[in-house]
N, C-alpha and C. Protein backbone atom coordinates (compact mmCIF):
# COMPACT_ATOMS: atom_id res chain seq x y z
N UNK A 1 90.25 113.66 110.66
CA UNK A 1 90.45 112.31 110.68
C UNK A 1 91.16 112.18 112.05
N UNK A 2 92.04 113.20 112.64
CA UNK A 2 92.68 113.06 114.00
C UNK A 2 91.69 113.22 114.83
N UNK A 3 90.56 113.92 114.89
CA UNK A 3 89.69 114.11 115.81
C UNK A 3 88.57 112.67 115.94
N UNK A 4 88.42 111.95 114.78
CA UNK A 4 87.92 110.84 114.88
C UNK A 4 88.66 109.59 115.53
N UNK A 5 90.01 109.69 115.39
CA UNK A 5 90.93 108.83 115.97
C UNK A 5 90.80 109.07 117.43
N UNK A 6 90.80 110.01 118.00
CA UNK A 6 90.78 110.24 119.64
C UNK A 6 89.45 110.17 120.17
N UNK A 7 88.46 109.88 119.34
CA UNK A 7 87.05 109.70 119.90
C UNK A 7 86.22 110.58 119.71
N UNK A 8 86.42 111.79 119.27
CA UNK A 8 85.80 112.98 119.10
C UNK A 8 84.77 112.74 118.14
N UNK A 9 83.38 113.13 118.46
CA UNK A 9 82.21 113.14 117.18
C UNK A 9 82.78 114.03 116.34
N UNK A 10 82.78 113.36 115.10
CA UNK A 10 82.98 114.30 113.98
C UNK A 10 81.75 114.09 112.96
N UNK A 11 81.39 115.40 112.24
CA UNK A 11 80.25 115.21 111.27
C UNK A 11 81.00 114.77 109.95
N UNK A 12 80.29 113.76 109.43
CA UNK A 12 80.88 112.96 108.23
C UNK A 12 80.57 114.15 107.03
N UNK A 13 81.43 114.33 106.12
CA UNK A 13 81.39 115.11 105.05
C UNK A 13 81.87 114.41 103.75
N UNK A 14 81.51 114.93 102.67
CA UNK A 14 81.85 114.17 101.37
C UNK A 14 83.52 114.39 101.40
N UNK A 15 84.24 115.59 101.59
CA UNK A 15 85.60 115.62 101.59
C UNK A 15 86.27 114.75 102.56
N UNK A 16 85.85 114.52 103.92
CA UNK A 16 86.27 113.49 104.82
C UNK A 16 86.19 112.16 104.24
N UNK A 17 85.24 111.73 103.44
CA UNK A 17 84.93 110.49 103.06
C UNK A 17 86.03 110.39 101.92
N UNK A 18 86.22 111.33 101.10
CA UNK A 18 87.24 111.03 100.08
C UNK A 18 88.57 110.92 100.45
N UNK A 19 88.95 111.70 101.36
CA UNK A 19 90.32 111.69 102.14
C UNK A 19 90.39 110.26 102.84
N UNK A 20 89.49 109.73 103.32
CA UNK A 20 89.63 108.30 103.92
C UNK A 20 89.80 107.38 102.81
N UNK A 21 89.17 107.57 101.57
CA UNK A 21 89.25 106.60 100.54
C UNK A 21 90.63 106.86 99.88
N UNK A 22 91.24 107.85 99.86
CA UNK A 22 92.59 108.15 99.18
C UNK A 22 93.57 107.62 100.27
N UNK A 23 93.35 107.67 101.41
CA UNK A 23 94.42 107.01 102.45
C UNK A 23 94.36 105.57 102.23
N UNK A 24 93.04 104.84 102.27
CA UNK A 24 92.96 103.45 102.07
C UNK A 24 93.58 102.98 100.74
N UNK A 25 93.25 103.56 99.62
CA UNK A 25 93.90 103.38 98.31
C UNK A 25 95.37 103.49 98.34
N UNK A 26 95.81 104.38 98.80
CA UNK A 26 97.36 104.48 98.99
C UNK A 26 98.10 103.24 99.86
N UNK A 27 97.34 103.07 100.94
CA UNK A 27 97.76 101.79 101.93
C UNK A 27 97.74 100.44 100.98
N UNK A 28 96.57 100.29 100.29
CA UNK A 28 96.62 98.97 99.49
C UNK A 28 97.73 99.07 98.48
N UNK A 29 97.94 100.13 97.69
CA UNK A 29 98.89 100.23 96.71
C UNK A 29 100.42 100.03 97.19
N UNK A 30 100.49 100.62 98.55
CA UNK A 30 101.73 100.37 99.13
C UNK A 30 102.08 98.97 99.46
N UNK A 31 101.18 98.15 99.86
CA UNK A 31 101.18 96.74 100.20
C UNK A 31 101.45 95.96 98.97
N UNK A 32 100.66 96.14 97.78
CA UNK A 32 100.92 95.69 96.65
C UNK A 32 102.36 95.75 96.21
N UNK A 33 102.86 97.00 96.26
CA UNK A 33 104.14 97.43 95.52
C UNK A 33 105.10 96.57 96.44
N UNK A 34 105.03 96.55 97.77
CA UNK A 34 105.92 95.84 98.36
C UNK A 34 105.96 94.29 98.25
N UNK A 35 104.73 93.67 98.00
CA UNK A 35 104.63 92.40 97.57
C UNK A 35 105.33 92.13 96.22
N UNK A 36 105.05 92.98 95.47
CA UNK A 36 105.63 92.87 93.84
C UNK A 36 107.23 92.80 94.09
N UNK A 37 107.48 93.93 94.86
CA UNK A 37 109.13 93.92 94.88
C UNK A 37 109.94 92.42 95.55
N UNK A 38 109.04 91.96 96.51
CA UNK A 38 109.76 90.67 97.08
C UNK A 38 109.51 89.62 96.00
N UNK A 39 108.37 89.72 95.31
CA UNK A 39 108.20 88.76 94.09
C UNK A 39 109.48 88.70 93.11
N UNK A 40 109.65 90.09 92.69
CA UNK A 40 110.87 90.29 91.70
C UNK A 40 112.14 89.86 92.34
N UNK A 41 112.29 89.94 93.67
CA UNK A 41 113.59 89.61 94.29
C UNK A 41 113.82 88.07 94.24
N UNK A 42 112.49 87.21 94.46
CA UNK A 42 112.72 85.81 94.17
C UNK A 42 112.88 85.44 92.96
N UNK A 43 112.18 86.00 91.91
CA UNK A 43 112.32 85.68 90.64
C UNK A 43 113.63 85.91 89.97
N UNK A 44 114.19 86.81 90.37
CA UNK A 44 115.60 87.30 89.75
C UNK A 44 116.85 86.86 90.56
N UNK A 45 116.53 85.61 91.41
CA UNK A 45 117.88 85.36 92.24
C UNK A 45 118.70 84.57 91.37
């Protein structure tokens, strides 16, 4: 993934696709968790 970021040509593989999918899922979950925390803070004022 680091090679792809700096513009090097990278052969796509199943493991790379899986790693990218895991990273995206983690980011989505992080954003959702942050939003839920803010919601709970507002509700419990």
